[in-house]
């Protein structure tokens, strides 16, 4: 498909929520005796989403160790803590936000987007939400993606607010509303979060779905947009198989995808 792996612009970053390696897919990640799970994972996939940060803080030294154990093109996205998104519901969150940003700073150039996943019961507040985004942007110039799940976020005026603060809206599956299935907000980043469907966190995606997805990812990257795809259907190991399948398709000969140039990896 002619996509670039691990480029800041126009790259495709495919990975899983976490870097555990299911036993049934261990053969795809060689080096059992010579590397950690993260090191083995990073040899085959170009990105990962850190979800554990949502539940508990990690020491800066931990993030530094993770960064030092992966190749230079590899990127981490990191989920913003629930203390900010679910407990404080974006309000009065400067203190935990400062602490979180200090923790992830040692990732350095390997830090990709921050993921702000919101609870399904949190509607868009025209005062609180922009204030949070402004506070975040005062502290963090990098990529940010938001995954809202309340219907009140999927309206044109909210799209404009997200774009103003350079915040992409994730394309999610299953989608809580039809609009959630497609990327939105700031157009400088595309971020797919695939949780498994019909059974969330468990179901494996069919080959036809993944073929179509790979085509979409390649087209987005070809347009010069950093493009992420994270599989969160990890409960039975489906995420690993799906991510490897998509990476294989992205590296397939151009003749299989309709592209008119040779693939680069």
Protein backbone atom coordinates (compact mmCIF):
# COMPACT_ATOMS: atom_id res chain seq x y z
CA UNK A 1 0.00 0.00 0.00
CA UNK A 2 3.01 2.27 0.03
CA UNK A 3 2.63 3.45 3.61
CA UNK A 4 5.42 4.60 5.87
CA UNK A 5 5.94 2.83 9.16
CA UNK A 6 7.02 5.04 12.03
CA UNK A 7 7.01 8.49 10.42
CA UNK A 8 5.71 11.57 12.20
CA UNK A 9 3.69 12.68 9.18
CA UNK A 10 1.92 10.24 6.95
CA UNK A 11 2.91 7.23 9.03
CA UNK A 12 0.65 4.38 10.09
CA UNK A 13 0.87 3.29 13.72
CA UNK A 14 -0.85 -0.05 14.27
CA UNK A 15 -0.83 -1.76 17.63
CA UNK A 16 -2.71 -3.08 20.61
CA UNK A 17 -3.89 -1.82 23.96
CA UNK A 18 -0.95 -3.20 25.90
CA UNK A 19 1.95 -5.34 24.73
CA UNK A 20 1.14 -8.71 26.23
CA UNK A 21 1.83 -11.58 23.82
CA UNK A 22 -0.79 -14.35 23.87
CA UNK A 23 0.65 -17.85 23.79
CA UNK A 24 -1.10 -18.70 20.55
CA UNK A 25 0.71 -15.81 18.81
CA UNK A 26 4.12 -16.19 20.46
CA UNK A 27 5.72 -17.53 17.28
CA UNK A 28 5.08 -14.18 15.59
CA UNK A 29 7.23 -12.46 18.23
CA UNK A 30 10.57 -14.30 18.32
CA UNK A 31 13.29 -13.70 20.86
CA UNK A 32 11.86 -15.30 23.99
CA UNK A 33 15.33 -15.72 25.47
CA UNK A 34 16.68 -12.33 24.43
CA UNK A 35 13.97 -9.76 25.05
CA UNK A 36 11.12 -8.59 27.24
CA UNK A 37 7.55 -8.76 25.98
CA UNK A 38 7.77 -5.09 25.01
CA UNK A 39 11.04 -5.57 23.12
CA UNK A 40 9.64 -8.54 21.23
CA UNK A 41 6.36 -6.72 20.53
CA UNK A 42 8.16 -3.63 19.24
CA UNK A 43 10.07 -5.66 16.67
CA UNK A 44 6.81 -6.56 14.93
CA UNK A 45 4.41 -3.67 15.57
CA UNK A 46 5.18 0.07 15.40
CA UNK A 47 3.01 1.33 18.26
CA UNK A 48 1.22 0.49 21.48
CA UNK A 49 -1.40 2.14 23.64
CA UNK A 50 -0.61 2.27 27.37
CA UNK A 51 -3.90 1.73 29.21
CA UNK A 52 -2.51 1.01 32.67
CA UNK A 53 -1.89 4.75 33.13
CA UNK A 54 -5.68 5.15 33.32
CA UNK A 55 -5.79 3.11 36.53
CA UNK A 56 -2.56 4.00 38.30
CA UNK A 57 0.48 6.27 37.96
CA UNK A 58 3.83 4.99 36.73
CA UNK A 59 7.18 6.39 37.79
CA UNK A 60 9.02 8.53 35.24
CA UNK A 61 11.83 5.96 35.41
CA UNK A 62 9.39 3.30 34.22
CA UNK A 63 8.41 5.33 31.17
CA UNK A 64 12.09 5.98 30.50
CA UNK A 65 12.88 2.27 30.65
CA UNK A 66 10.06 1.53 28.23
CA UNK A 67 11.28 4.22 25.83
CA UNK A 68 14.83 2.90 25.91
CA UNK A 69 13.72 -0.66 25.12
CA UNK A 70 12.07 0.06 21.74
CA UNK A 71 13.39 1.19 18.34
CA UNK A 72 13.50 4.90 17.53
CA UNK A 73 10.48 4.88 15.17
CA UNK A 74 8.26 3.17 17.78
CA UNK A 75 5.55 5.27 19.43
CA UNK A 76 3.50 5.03 22.63
CA UNK A 77 0.07 6.53 23.01
CA UNK A 78 -0.88 6.98 26.65
CA UNK A 79 -4.33 7.00 28.23
CA UNK A 80 -5.05 9.96 30.49
CA UNK A 81 -5.82 8.91 34.11
CA UNK A 82 -9.38 8.29 35.24
CA UNK A 83 -8.75 10.73 38.08
CA UNK A 84 -9.03 13.41 35.40
CA UNK A 85 -11.62 11.98 33.03
CA UNK A 86 -13.95 9.92 35.20
CA UNK A 87 -13.59 11.11 38.77
CA UNK A 88 -13.08 14.85 38.27
CA UNK A 89 -14.91 14.73 34.92
CA UNK A 90 -12.41 17.21 33.42
CA UNK A 91 -13.07 19.88 36.09
CA UNK A 92 -10.40 21.21 38.48
CA UNK A 93 -7.86 18.79 37.04
CA UNK A 94 -4.71 20.93 36.79
CA UNK A 95 -2.90 19.15 39.63
CA UNK A 96 -3.38 15.56 38.38
CA UNK A 97 -2.74 16.73 34.81
CA UNK A 98 0.61 18.23 35.79
CA UNK A 99 1.55 15.04 37.62
CA UNK A 100 0.60 12.85 34.65
CA UNK A 101 2.52 14.95 32.13
CA UNK A 102 5.61 14.85 34.35
CA UNK A 103 5.36 11.06 34.50
CA UNK A 104 5.15 10.54 30.72
CA UNK A 105 7.78 13.16 29.82
CA UNK A 106 10.67 10.63 29.75
CA UNK A 107 9.08 8.96 26.73
CA UNK A 108 10.48 11.93 24.83
CA UNK A 109 10.20 11.68 21.06
CA UNK A 110 8.57 8.25 21.40
CA UNK A 111 5.47 9.76 22.99
CA UNK A 112 2.57 9.71 20.55
CA UNK A 113 -0.97 10.94 21.26
CA UNK A 114 -2.48 11.34 24.68
CA UNK A 115 -5.83 9.54 24.77
CA UNK A 116 -8.66 11.26 26.62
CA UNK A 117 -11.40 8.63 26.90
CA UNK A 118 -14.55 10.02 28.49
CA UNK A 119 -17.26 8.16 30.44
CA UNK A 120 -20.51 7.42 28.61
CA UNK A 121 -22.44 9.55 31.10
CA UNK A 122 -20.36 12.70 30.58
CA UNK A 123 -22.05 15.18 28.21
CA UNK A 124 -20.22 18.06 26.59
CA UNK A 125 -20.13 21.04 28.94
CA UNK A 126 -19.50 24.30 27.04
CA UNK A 127 -17.56 25.74 29.99
CA UNK A 128 -15.72 22.79 31.54
CA UNK A 129 -14.61 21.01 28.35
CA UNK A 130 -12.98 24.02 26.62
CA UNK A 131 -11.35 25.03 29.91
CA UNK A 132 -9.83 21.56 30.24
CA UNK A 133 -8.62 21.54 26.66
CA UNK A 134 -7.11 24.99 27.09
CA UNK A 135 -5.29 23.84 30.26
CA UNK A 136 -4.03 20.76 28.46
CA UNK A 137 -2.80 22.78 25.50
CA UNK A 138 -0.99 25.24 27.78
CA UNK A 139 1.02 22.30 29.09
CA UNK A 140 1.28 19.88 26.17
CA UNK A 141 1.92 20.77 22.51
CA UNK A 142 1.82 17.21 21.19
CA UNK A 143 -0.92 15.07 19.69
CA UNK A 144 -4.17 14.58 21.59
CA UNK A 145 -7.14 12.34 20.76
CA UNK A 146 -10.47 12.28 22.54
CA UNK A 147 -12.87 9.33 22.67
CA UNK A 148 -16.20 10.73 23.89
CA UNK A 149 -19.09 8.34 24.37
CA UNK A 150 -22.02 10.62 25.24
CA UNK A 151 -24.20 11.64 22.26
CA UNK A 152 -23.83 15.31 23.19
CA UNK A 153 -20.25 15.34 21.87
CA UNK A 154 -21.20 14.40 18.32
CA UNK A 155 -22.51 17.72 17.04
CA UNK A 156 -20.91 20.34 14.77
CA UNK A 157 -20.24 22.90 17.50
CA UNK A 158 -18.22 20.37 19.51
CA UNK A 159 -16.31 19.36 16.38
CA UNK A 160 -15.29 23.01 16.02
CA UNK A 161 -14.12 23.18 19.64
CA UNK A 162 -12.00 20.06 19.22
CA UNK A 163 -10.50 21.41 16.01
CA UNK A 164 -9.73 24.74 17.67
CA UNK A 165 -7.63 22.96 20.30
CA UNK A 166 -6.05 20.56 17.77
CA UNK A 167 -7.73 17.53 19.33
CA UNK A 168 -8.73 14.65 17.10
CA UNK A 169 -11.84 12.60 17.85
CA UNK A 170 -11.30 8.86 17.75
CA UNK A 171 -13.20 6.59 15.39
CA UNK A 172 -14.55 3.90 17.69
CA UNK A 173 -16.01 0.44 17.24
CA UNK A 174 -18.54 -0.36 18.56
CA UNK A 175 -19.75 3.20 17.97
CA UNK A 176 -22.05 4.63 20.68
CA UNK A 177 -23.68 6.77 17.99
CA UNK A 178 -23.26 6.48 14.22
CA UNK A 179 -20.98 9.53 14.02
CA UNK A 180 -18.53 7.91 16.44
CA UNK A 181 -17.55 5.33 13.83
CA UNK A 182 -15.69 7.99 11.84
CA UNK A 183 -12.73 10.22 12.76
CA UNK A 184 -13.61 13.78 13.70
CA UNK A 185 -12.34 16.92 15.38
CA UNK A 186 -8.88 18.08 14.31
CA UNK A 187 -7.95 16.66 10.93
CA UNK A 188 -4.21 16.46 11.61
CA UNK A 189 -4.52 13.06 13.32
CA UNK A 190 -6.62 9.96 12.65
CA UNK A 191 -7.02 7.48 15.50
CA UNK A 192 -9.08 4.29 15.30
CA UNK A 193 -9.93 2.46 18.55
CA UNK A 194 -11.39 -0.96 17.90
CA UNK A 195 -12.81 -2.67 20.97
CA UNK A 196 -14.22 -5.80 19.33
CA UNK A 197 -17.63 -6.35 17.80
CA UNK A 198 -20.20 -7.78 18.39
CA UNK A 199 -18.76 -8.83 21.76
CA UNK A 200 -16.74 -5.93 23.09
CA UNK A 201 -13.15 -6.72 24.13
CA UNK A 202 -13.54 -10.31 22.90
CA UNK A 203 -14.63 -10.55 19.26
CA UNK A 204 -12.10 -10.88 16.46
CA UNK A 205 -12.64 -8.75 13.37
CA UNK A 206 -13.29 -10.54 10.10
CA UNK A 207 -10.73 -10.48 7.31
CA UNK A 208 -12.99 -8.42 5.03
CA UNK A 209 -13.38 -5.75 7.71
CA UNK A 210 -9.62 -5.62 8.25
CA UNK A 211 -8.92 -5.43 4.52
CA UNK A 212 -11.20 -2.41 4.24
CA UNK A 213 -9.65 -0.88 7.34
CA UNK A 214 -6.13 -1.26 5.96
CA UNK A 215 -7.21 0.53 2.79
CA UNK A 216 -8.58 3.42 4.86
CA UNK A 217 -5.40 3.65 6.93
CA UNK A 218 -3.22 3.70 3.84
CA UNK A 219 -5.32 6.43 2.23
CA UNK A 220 -5.14 8.58 5.35
CA UNK A 221 -1.37 8.17 5.58
CA UNK A 222 -0.99 8.92 1.87
CA UNK A 223 -2.73 12.24 2.54
CA UNK A 224 0.07 13.11 4.97
CA UNK A 225 -1.91 12.49 8.17
CA UNK A 226 -0.43 10.58 11.10
CA UNK A 227 -2.75 7.58 11.31
CA UNK A 228 -3.22 5.32 14.31
CA UNK A 229 -5.12 2.07 14.72
CA UNK A 230 -5.30 0.45 18.14
CA UNK A 231 -7.00 -2.89 18.77
CA UNK A 232 -8.53 -3.17 22.23
CA UNK A 233 -10.16 -6.57 21.74
CA UNK A 234 -7.54 -8.13 23.97
CA UNK A 235 -9.56 -10.45 26.23
CA UNK A 236 -8.99 -13.56 24.06
CA UNK A 237 -5.92 -12.39 22.16
CA UNK A 238 -7.82 -11.21 19.07
CA UNK A 239 -6.14 -7.80 19.14
CA UNK A 240 -2.73 -9.30 18.41
CA UNK A 241 -3.95 -11.33 15.45
CA UNK A 242 -5.89 -8.38 14.03
CA UNK A 243 -2.97 -5.96 14.36
CA UNK A 244 -0.56 -8.38 12.67
CA UNK A 245 -3.07 -8.96 9.86
CA UNK A 246 -3.44 -5.23 9.20
CA UNK A 247 0.33 -4.70 9.24
CA UNK A 248 0.70 -7.52 6.73
CA UNK A 249 -1.88 -5.93 4.45
CA UNK A 250 -0.23 -2.52 4.72
CA UNK A 251 3.01 -4.12 3.57
CA UNK A 252 1.39 -6.06 0.73
CA UNK A 253 2.43 -5.51 -2.90
CA UNK A 254 0.80 -2.52 -4.53
CA UNK A 255 -0.98 -4.76 -7.02
CA UNK A 256 -3.11 -6.19 -4.23
CA UNK A 257 -4.38 -2.82 -3.10
CA UNK A 258 -4.73 -0.76 -6.22
CA UNK A 259 -1.83 1.49 -5.24
CA UNK A 260 0.36 2.79 -8.04
CA UNK A 261 3.72 2.75 -6.29
CA UNK A 262 5.96 0.32 -4.51
CA UNK A 263 5.42 -0.23 -0.78
CA UNK A 264 7.88 1.11 1.76
CA UNK A 265 8.18 -0.26 5.26
